[in-house]
PDB file of N, CA and C in Angstrom:
ATOM      1  N   UNK A   1      87.067 122.154  45.114  1.00  0.00           N
ATOM      2  CA  UNK A   1      86.900 123.318  44.273  1.00  0.00           C
ATOM      3  C   UNK A   1      85.817 124.184  44.891  1.00  0.00           C
ATOM      4  N   UNK A   2      86.155 125.417  45.151  1.00  0.00           N
ATOM      5  CA  UNK A   2      85.181 126.345  45.717  1.00  0.00           C
ATOM      6  C   UNK A   2      84.650 127.309  44.670  1.00  0.00           C
ATOM      7  N   UNK A   3      85.480 127.672  43.724  1.00  0.00           N
ATOM      8  CA  UNK A   3      85.075 128.572  42.645  1.00  0.00           C
ATOM      9  C   UNK A   3      85.258 127.858  41.318  1.00  0.00           C
ATOM     10  N   UNK A   4      84.412 128.189  40.379  1.00  0.00           N
ATOM     11  CA  UNK A   4      84.532 127.588  39.063  1.00  0.00           C
ATOM     12  C   UNK A   4      83.546 128.220  38.108  1.00  0.00           C
ATOM     13  N   UNK A   5      83.539 127.713  36.904  1.00  0.00           N
ATOM     14  CA  UNK A   5      82.653 128.209  35.866  1.00  0.00           C
ATOM     15  C   UNK A   5      81.589 127.146  35.598  1.00  0.00           C
ATOM     16  N   UNK A   6      80.339 127.556  35.602  1.00  0.00           N
ATOM     17  CA  UNK A   6      79.256 126.634  35.296  1.00  0.00           C
ATOM     18  C   UNK A   6      79.016 126.658  33.791  1.00  0.00           C
ATOM     19  N   UNK A   7      79.079 125.492  33.165  1.00  0.00           N
ATOM     20  CA  UNK A   7      78.969 125.362  31.724  1.00  0.00           C
ATOM     21  C   UNK A   7      77.731 124.538  31.397  1.00  0.00           C
ATOM     22  N   UNK A   8      76.871 125.070  30.527  1.00  0.00           N
ATOM     23  CA  UNK A   8      75.671 124.355  30.105  1.00  0.00           C
ATOM     24  C   UNK A   8      75.924 123.752  28.730  1.00  0.00           C
ATOM     25  N   UNK A   9      75.626 122.463  28.585  1.00  0.00           N
ATOM     26  CA  UNK A   9      75.811 121.791  27.300  1.00  0.00           C
ATOM     27  C   UNK A   9      74.772 120.681  27.174  1.00  0.00           C
ATOM     28  N   UNK A  10      73.772 120.918  26.339  1.00  0.00           N
ATOM     29  CA  UNK A  10      72.731 119.908  26.147  1.00  0.00           C
ATOM     30  C   UNK A  10      72.771 119.278  24.754  1.00  0.00           C
ATOM     31  N   UNK A  11      73.934 119.350  24.111  1.00  0.00           N
ATOM     32  CA  UNK A  11      74.100 118.733  22.791  1.00  0.00           C
ATOM     33  C   UNK A  11      74.105 117.217  22.983  1.00  0.00           C
ATOM     34  N   UNK A  12      73.111 116.554  22.472  1.00  0.00           N
ATOM     35  CA  UNK A  12      72.965 115.120  22.709  1.00  0.00           C
ATOM     36  C   UNK A  12      73.911 114.265  21.866  1.00  0.00           C
ATOM     37  N   UNK A  13      74.492 114.839  20.813  1.00  0.00           N
ATOM     38  CA  UNK A  13      75.382 114.063  19.958  1.00  0.00           C
ATOM     39  C   UNK A  13      76.816 114.033  20.482  1.00  0.00           C
ATOM     40  N   UNK A  14      77.162 114.915  21.424  1.00  0.00           N
ATOM     41  CA  UNK A  14      78.515 114.949  21.981  1.00  0.00           C
ATOM     42  C   UNK A  14      78.642 113.977  23.149  1.00  0.00           C
ATOM     43  N   UNK A  15      79.809 113.364  23.261  1.00  0.00           N
ATOM     44  CA  UNK A  15      80.096 112.516  24.408  1.00  0.00           C
ATOM     45  C   UNK A  15      80.443 113.395  25.601  1.00  0.00           C
ATOM     46  N   UNK A  16      80.455 112.807  26.772  1.00  0.00           N
ATOM     47  CA  UNK A  16      80.844 113.554  27.969  1.00  0.00           C
ATOM     48  C   UNK A  16      82.263 114.098  27.809  1.00  0.00           C
ATOM     49  N   UNK A  17      83.136 113.297  27.225  1.00  0.00           N
ATOM     50  CA  UNK A  17      84.518 113.734  27.021  1.00  0.00           C
ATOM     51  C   UNK A  17      84.588 114.975  26.132  1.00  0.00           C
ATOM     52  N   UNK A  18      83.777 115.004  25.077  1.00  0.00           N
ATOM     53  CA  UNK A  18      83.746 116.161  24.181  1.00  0.00           C
ATOM     54  C   UNK A  18      83.211 117.391  24.909  1.00  0.00           C
ATOM     55  N   UNK A  19      82.200 117.203  25.720  1.00  0.00           N
ATOM     56  CA  UNK A  19      81.626 118.319  26.475  1.00  0.00           C
ATOM     57  C   UNK A  19      82.642 118.888  27.460  1.00  0.00           C
ATOM     58  N   UNK A  20      83.354 118.007  28.156  1.00  0.00           N
ATOM     59  CA  UNK A  20      84.372 118.455  29.108  1.00  0.00           C
ATOM     60  C   UNK A  20      85.476 119.216  28.378  1.00  0.00           C
ATOM     61  N   UNK A  21      85.903 118.712  27.252  1.00  0.00           N
ATOM     62  CA  UNK A  21      86.978 119.381  26.507  1.00  0.00           C
ATOM     63  C   UNK A  21      86.538 120.751  25.999  1.00  0.00           C
ATOM     64  N   UNK A  22      85.308 120.865  25.505  1.00  0.00           N
ATOM     65  CA  UNK A  22      84.813 122.178  25.060  1.00  0.00           C
ATOM     66  C   UNK A  22      84.777 123.168  26.223  1.00  0.00           C
ATOM     67  N   UNK A  23      84.284 122.716  27.360  1.00  0.00           N
ATOM     68  CA  UNK A  23      84.219 123.585  28.538  1.00  0.00           C
ATOM     69  C   UNK A  23      85.620 123.976  28.996  1.00  0.00           C
ATOM     70  N   UNK A  24      86.551 123.032  28.982  1.00  0.00           N
ATOM     71  CA  UNK A  24      87.925 123.306  29.402  1.00  0.00           C
ATOM     72  C   UNK A  24      88.599 124.309  28.465  1.00  0.00           C
ATOM     73  N   UNK A  25      88.366 124.177  27.177  1.00  0.00           N
ATOM     74  CA  UNK A  25      88.948 125.117  26.214  1.00  0.00           C
ATOM     75  C   UNK A  25      88.401 126.520  26.423  1.00  0.00           C
ATOM     76  N   UNK A  26      87.102 126.628  26.649  1.00  0.00           N
ATOM     77  CA  UNK A  26      86.503 127.940  26.889  1.00  0.00           C
ATOM     78  C   UNK A  26      87.045 128.544  28.186  1.00  0.00           C
ATOM     79  N   UNK A  27      87.131 127.739  29.225  1.00  0.00           N
ATOM     80  CA  UNK A  27      87.649 128.198  30.513  1.00  0.00           C
ATOM     81  C   UNK A  27      89.076 128.731  30.334  1.00  0.00           C
ATOM     82  N   UNK A  28      89.903 127.986  29.614  1.00  0.00           N
ATOM     83  CA  UNK A  28      91.296 128.395  29.391  1.00  0.00           C
ATOM     84  C   UNK A  28      91.367 129.718  28.627  1.00  0.00           C
ATOM     85  N   UNK A  29      90.511 129.872  27.637  1.00  0.00           N
ATOM     86  CA  UNK A  29      90.491 131.111  26.861  1.00  0.00           C
ATOM     87  C   UNK A  29      90.031 132.288  27.720  1.00  0.00           C
ATOM     88  N   UNK A  30      89.024 132.053  28.540  1.00  0.00           N
ATOM     89  CA  UNK A  30      88.451 133.129  29.369  1.00  0.00           C
ATOM     90  C   UNK A  30      89.347 133.509  30.550  1.00  0.00           C
ATOM     91  N   UNK A  31      89.925 132.501  31.222  1.00  0.00           N
ATOM     92  CA  UNK A  31      90.663 132.763  32.452  1.00  0.00           C
ATOM     93  C   UNK A  31      92.180 132.628  32.320  1.00  0.00           C
ATOM     94  N   UNK A  32      92.659 132.239  31.150  1.00  0.00           N
ATOM     95  CA  UNK A  32      94.101 132.166  30.916  1.00  0.00           C
ATOM     96  C   UNK A  32      94.792 130.990  31.573  1.00  0.00           C
ATOM     97  N   UNK A  33      94.035 130.011  31.995  1.00  0.00           N
ATOM     98  CA  UNK A  33      94.593 128.845  32.671  1.00  0.00           C
ATOM     99  C   UNK A  33      93.671 127.669  32.413  1.00  0.00           C
ATOM    100  N   UNK A  34      94.250 126.546  32.029  1.00  0.00           N
ATOM    101  CA  UNK A  34      93.433 125.368  31.754  1.00  0.00           C
ATOM    102  C   UNK A  34      92.965 124.761  33.078  1.00  0.00           C
ATOM    103  N   UNK A  35      91.673 124.413  33.179  1.00  0.00           N
ATOM    104  CA  UNK A  35      91.175 123.815  34.420  1.00  0.00           C
ATOM    105  C   UNK A  35      91.725 122.402  34.599  1.00  0.00           C
ATOM    106  N   UNK A  36      91.697 121.921  35.830  1.00  0.00           N
ATOM    107  CA  UNK A  36      92.146 120.558  36.081  1.00  0.00           C
ATOM    108  C   UNK A  36      91.068 119.713  36.764  1.00  0.00           C
ATOM    109  N   UNK A  37      89.868 120.296  36.912  1.00  0.00           N
ATOM    110  CA  UNK A  37      88.822 119.611  37.661  1.00  0.00           C
ATOM    111  C   UNK A  37      87.462 119.958  37.084  1.00  0.00           C
ATOM    112  N   UNK A  38      86.565 118.979  37.071  1.00  0.00           N
ATOM    113  CA  UNK A  38      85.214 119.188  36.549  1.00  0.00           C
ATOM    114  C   UNK A  38      84.239 118.316  37.328  1.00  0.00           C
ATOM    115  N   UNK A  39      83.176 118.929  37.786  1.00  0.00           N
ATOM    116  CA  UNK A  39      82.115 118.201  38.483  1.00  0.00           C
ATOM    117  C   UNK A  39      80.889 118.143  37.578  1.00  0.00           C
ATOM    118  N   UNK A  40      80.267 116.964  37.518  1.00  0.00           N
ATOM    119  CA  UNK A  40      79.117 116.753  36.638  1.00  0.00           C
ATOM    120  C   UNK A  40      77.963 116.121  37.412  1.00  0.00           C
ATOM    121  N   UNK A  41      76.786 116.170  36.821  1.00  0.00           N
ATOM    122  CA  UNK A  41      75.601 115.507  37.380  1.00  0.00           C
ATOM    123  C   UNK A  41      75.909 114.013  37.542  1.00  0.00           C
ATOM    124  N   UNK A  42      75.385 113.434  38.588  1.00  0.00           N
ATOM    125  CA  UNK A  42      75.734 112.041  38.872  1.00  0.00           C
ATOM    126  C   UNK A  42      75.308 111.074  37.775  1.00  0.00           C
ATOM    127  N   UNK A  43      74.313 111.430  36.981  1.00  0.00           N
ATOM    128  CA  UNK A  43      73.890 110.574  35.887  1.00  0.00           C
ATOM    129  C   UNK A  43      74.845 110.589  34.700  1.00  0.00           C
ATOM    130  N   UNK A  44      75.692 111.605  34.620  1.00  0.00           N
ATOM    131  CA  UNK A  44      76.606 111.725  33.475  1.00  0.00           C
ATOM    132  C   UNK A  44      77.643 110.614  33.447  1.00  0.00           C
ATOM    133  N   UNK A  45      78.054 110.142  34.605  1.00  0.00           N
ATOM    134  CA  UNK A  45      79.050 109.069  34.668  1.00  0.00           C
ATOM    135  C   UNK A  45      78.421 107.697  34.875  1.00  0.00           C
ATOM    136  N   UNK A  46      77.127 107.663  35.153  1.00  0.00           N
ATOM    137  CA  UNK A  46      76.455 106.390  35.442  1.00  0.00           C
ATOM    138  C   UNK A  46      76.564 105.407  34.277  1.00  0.00           C
ATOM    139  N   UNK A  47      76.408 105.891  33.068  1.00  0.00           N
ATOM    140  CA  UNK A  47      76.474 105.000  31.913  1.00  0.00           C
ATOM    141  C   UNK A  47      77.873 104.453  31.681  1.00  0.00           C
ATOM    142  N   UNK A  48      78.882 105.140  32.222  1.00  0.00           N
ATOM    143  CA  UNK A  48      80.257 104.657  32.107  1.00  0.00           C
ATOM    144  C   UNK A  48      80.619 103.713  33.251  1.00  0.00           C
ATOM    145  N   UNK A  49      79.714 103.574  34.212  1.00  0.00           N
ATOM    146  CA  UNK A  49      79.884 102.700  35.363  1.00  0.00           C
ATOM    147  C   UNK A  49      81.172 102.996  36.142  1.00  0.00           C
ATOM    148  N   UNK A  50      81.407 104.270  36.368  1.00  0.00           N
ATOM    149  CA  UNK A  50      82.546 104.718  37.162  1.00  0.00           C
ATOM    150  C   UNK A  50      82.165 106.010  37.855  1.00  0.00           C
ATOM    151  N   UNK A  51      82.933 106.411  38.846  1.00  0.00           N
ATOM    152  CA  UNK A  51      82.639 107.671  39.527  1.00  0.00           C
ATOM    153  C   UNK A  51      83.662 108.745  39.196  1.00  0.00           C
ATOM    154  N   UNK A  52      84.617 108.412  38.314  1.00  0.00           N
ATOM    155  CA  UNK A  52      85.636 109.397  37.925  1.00  0.00           C
ATOM    156  C   UNK A  52      86.266 108.996  36.600  1.00  0.00           C
ATOM    157  N   UNK A  53      86.509 109.984  35.743  1.00  0.00           N
ATOM    158  CA  UNK A  53      87.291 109.775  34.522  1.00  0.00           C
ATOM    159  C   UNK A  53      88.272 110.934  34.402  1.00  0.00           C
ATOM    160  N   UNK A  54      89.226 110.796  33.518  1.00  0.00           N
ATOM    161  CA  UNK A  54      90.180 111.876  33.249  1.00  0.00           C
ATOM    162  C   UNK A  54      90.119 112.174  31.758  1.00  0.00           C
ATOM    163  N   UNK A  55      89.901 113.451  31.437  1.00  0.00           N
ATOM    164  CA  UNK A  55      89.814 113.896  30.048  1.00  0.00           C
ATOM    165  C   UNK A  55      90.905 114.934  29.823  1.00  0.00           C
ATOM    166  N   UNK A  56      91.962 114.556  29.128  1.00  0.00           N
ATOM    167  CA  UNK A  56      93.071 115.475  28.846  1.00  0.00           C
ATOM    168  C   UNK A  56      93.522 116.229  30.098  1.00  0.00           C
ATOM    169  N   UNK A  57      93.849 115.498  31.139  1.00  0.00           N
ATOM    170  CA  UNK A  57      94.344 116.038  32.410  1.00  0.00           C
ATOM    171  C   UNK A  57      93.281 116.745  33.242  1.00  0.00           C
ATOM    172  N   UNK A  58      92.023 116.664  32.872  1.00  0.00           N
ATOM    173  CA  UNK A  58      90.937 117.227  33.674  1.00  0.00           C
ATOM    174  C   UNK A  58      90.250 116.064  34.385  1.00  0.00           C
ATOM    175  N   UNK A  59      90.289 116.083  35.712  1.00  0.00           N
ATOM    176  CA  UNK A  59      89.630 115.046  36.500  1.00  0.00           C
ATOM    177  C   UNK A  59      88.134 115.359  36.516  1.00  0.00           C
ATOM    178  N   UNK A  60      87.333 114.378  36.138  1.00  0.00           N
ATOM    179  CA  UNK A  60      85.876 114.549  36.071  1.00  0.00           C
ATOM    180  C   UNK A  60      85.242 113.635  37.111  1.00  0.00           C
ATOM    181  N   UNK A  61      84.480 114.225  38.020  1.00  0.00           N
ATOM    182  CA  UNK A  61      83.811 113.466  39.075  1.00  0.00           C
ATOM    183  C   UNK A  61      82.348 113.863  39.147  1.00  0.00           C
ATOM    184  N   UNK A  62      81.541 112.948  39.653  1.00  0.00           N
ATOM    185  CA  UNK A  62      80.128 113.267  39.842  1.00  0.00           C
ATOM    186  C   UNK A  62      79.944 114.033  41.144  1.00  0.00           C
ATOM    187  N   UNK A  63      78.941 114.896  41.144  1.00  0.00           N
ATOM    188  CA  UNK A  63      78.634 115.701  42.326  1.00  0.00           C
ATOM    189  C   UNK A  63      77.144 115.971  42.307  1.00  0.00           C
ATOM    190  N   UNK A  64      76.452 115.461  43.287  1.00  0.00           N
ATOM    191  CA  UNK A  64      74.983 115.484  43.311  1.00  0.00           C
ATOM    192  C   UNK A  64      74.363 116.860  43.041  1.00  0.00           C
ATOM    193  N   UNK A  65      74.869 117.968  43.597  1.00  0.00           N
ATOM    194  CA  UNK A  65      74.212 119.263  43.371  1.00  0.00           C
ATOM    195  C   UNK A  65      74.295 119.806  41.937  1.00  0.00           C
ATOM    196  N   UNK A  66      75.174 119.259  41.099  1.00  0.00           N
ATOM    197  CA  UNK A  66      75.283 119.767  39.728  1.00  0.00           C
ATOM    198  C   UNK A  66      74.060 119.309  38.935  1.00  0.00           C
ATOM    199  N   UNK A  67      73.446 120.249  38.253  1.00  0.00           N
ATOM    200  CA  UNK A  67      72.217 119.994  37.495  1.00  0.00           C
ATOM    201  C   UNK A  67      72.542 119.263  36.193  1.00  0.00           C
ATOM    202  N   UNK A  68      71.625 118.439  35.744  1.00  0.00           N
ATOM    203  CA  UNK A  68      71.771 117.712  34.483  1.00  0.00           C
ATOM    204  C   UNK A  68      72.125 118.673  33.348  1.00  0.00           C
ATOM    205  N   UNK A  69      73.019 118.258  32.466  1.00  0.00           N
ATOM    206  CA  UNK A  69      73.500 119.031  31.316  1.00  0.00           C
ATOM    207  C   UNK A  69      74.391 120.213  31.706  1.00  0.00           C
ATOM    208  N   UNK A  70      74.876 120.233  32.934  1.00  0.00           N
ATOM    209  CA  UNK A  70      75.786 121.283  33.386  1.00  0.00           C
ATOM    210  C   UNK A  70      77.110 120.661  33.815  1.00  0.00           C
ATOM    211  N   UNK A  71      78.171 121.430  33.671  1.00  0.00           N
ATOM    212  CA  UNK A  71      79.489 121.025  34.131  1.00  0.00           C
ATOM    213  C   UNK A  71      80.046 122.176  34.958  1.00  0.00           C
ATOM    214  N   UNK A  72      80.610 121.863  36.094  1.00  0.00           N
ATOM    215  CA  UNK A  72      81.235 122.876  36.945  1.00  0.00           C
ATOM    216  C   UNK A  72      82.736 122.687  36.787  1.00  0.00           C
ATOM    217  N   UNK A  73      83.374 123.620  36.086  1.00  0.00           N
ATOM    218  CA  UNK A  73      84.770 123.492  35.685  1.00  0.00           C
ATOM    219  C   UNK A  73      85.622 124.485  36.453  1.00  0.00           C
ATOM    220  N   UNK A  74      86.798 124.053  36.886  1.00  0.00           N
ATOM    221  CA  UNK A  74      87.688 124.972  37.592  1.00  0.00           C
ATOM    222  C   UNK A  74      88.977 124.307  38.002  1.00  0.00           C
ATOM    223  N   UNK A  75      89.593 124.896  39.009  1.00  0.00           N
ATOM    224  CA  UNK A  75      90.878 124.411  39.511  1.00  0.00           C
ATOM    225  C   UNK A  75      90.664 123.741  40.862  1.00  0.00           C
ATOM    226  N   UNK A  76      91.153 122.510  40.984  1.00  0.00           N
ATOM    227  CA  UNK A  76      91.065 121.823  42.265  1.00  0.00           C
ATOM    228  C   UNK A  76      92.169 122.354  43.168  1.00  0.00           C
ATOM    229  N   UNK A  77      91.784 122.724  44.352  1.00  0.00           N
ATOM    230  CA  UNK A  77      92.740 123.148  45.364  1.00  0.00           C
ATOM    231  C   UNK A  77      92.463 122.341  46.616  1.00  0.00           C
ATOM    232  N   UNK A  78      93.508 121.796  47.182  1.00  0.00           N
ATOM    233  CA  UNK A  78      93.353 121.023  48.407  1.00  0.00           C
ATOM    234  C   UNK A  78      92.812 121.926  49.510  1.00  0.00           C
ATOM    235  N   UNK A  79      91.785 121.497  50.235  1.00  0.00           N
ATOM    236  CA  UNK A  79      91.237 122.331  51.311  1.00  0.00           C
ATOM    237  C   UNK A  79      92.294 122.672  52.355  1.00  0.00           C
ATOM    238  N   UNK A  80      92.167 123.846  52.943  1.00  0.00           N
ATOM    239  CA  UNK A  80      93.147 124.335  53.919  1.00  0.00           C
ATOM    240  C   UNK A  80      93.278 123.384  55.100  1.00  0.00           C
ATOM    241  N   UNK A  81      92.173 122.810  55.558  1.00  0.00           N
ATOM    242  CA  UNK A  81      92.255 121.923  56.719  1.00  0.00           C
ATOM    243  C   UNK A  81      93.030 120.644  56.399  1.00  0.00           C
ATOM    244  N   UNK A  82      93.003 120.200  55.144  1.00  0.00           N
ATOM    245  CA  UNK A  82      93.773 119.018  54.747  1.00  0.00           C
ATOM    246  C   UNK A  82      95.253 119.362  54.699  1.00  0.00           C
ATOM    247  N   UNK A  83      95.575 120.511  54.111  1.00  0.00           N
ATOM    248  CA  UNK A  83      96.982 120.948  54.074  1.00  0.00           C
ATOM    249  C   UNK A  83      97.526 121.098  55.479  1.00  0.00           C
ATOM    250  N   UNK A  84      96.744 121.706  56.372  1.00  0.00           N
ATOM    251  CA  UNK A  84      97.194 121.936  57.741  1.00  0.00           C
ATOM    252  C   UNK A  84      97.432 120.611  58.472  1.00  0.00           C
ATOM    253  N   UNK A  85      96.547 119.652  58.293  1.00  0.00           N
ATOM    254  CA  UNK A  85      96.724 118.374  58.984  1.00  0.00           C
ATOM    255  C   UNK A  85      97.933 117.619  58.431  1.00  0.00           C
ATOM    256  N   UNK A  86      98.198 117.764  57.141  1.00  0.00           N
ATOM    257  CA  UNK A  86      99.355 117.113  56.538  1.00  0.00           C
ATOM    258  C   UNK A  86     100.655 117.740  57.047  1.00  0.00           C
ATOM    259  N   UNK A  87     100.610 119.038  57.309  1.00  0.00           N
ATOM    260  CA  UNK A  87     101.791 119.759  57.781  1.00  0.00           C
ATOM    261  C   UNK A  87     101.914 119.712  59.301  1.00  0.00           C
ATOM    262  N   UNK A  88     100.986 119.043  59.977  1.00  0.00           N
ATOM    263  CA  UNK A  88     101.041 118.912  61.414  1.00  0.00           C
ATOM    264  C   UNK A  88     100.555 120.114  62.192  1.00  0.00           C
ATOM    265  N   UNK A  89      99.798 120.990  61.542  1.00  0.00           N
ATOM    266  CA  UNK A  89      99.260 122.174  62.213  1.00  0.00           C
ATOM    267  C   UNK A  89      97.844 121.864  62.692  1.00  0.00           C
ATOM    268  N   UNK A  90      97.470 122.397  63.838  1.00  0.00           N
ATOM    269  CA  UNK A  90      96.109 122.170  64.360  1.00  0.00           C
ATOM    270  C   UNK A  90      95.043 122.913  63.597  1.00  0.00           C
TER     271      UNK A  90
END
């Protein structure tokens, strides 16, 4: 994901899943398309003891540069160099 929406959510009573869903709903309303990818602070998934979860078709992964209480929401697109190598192009 190269572009996305940065979402701040410091509500301590909401679960990570609730935060992701709120951000996804706002993104869909604002951009007319539901996101499929979300990057979070690495501590957000630590308590779940996993490096990835899926919340209503949104893949959630940790990413070190994301600040605590922030979610980077958007559309995952395969990098051009990966597509090219899969298609046999240099």
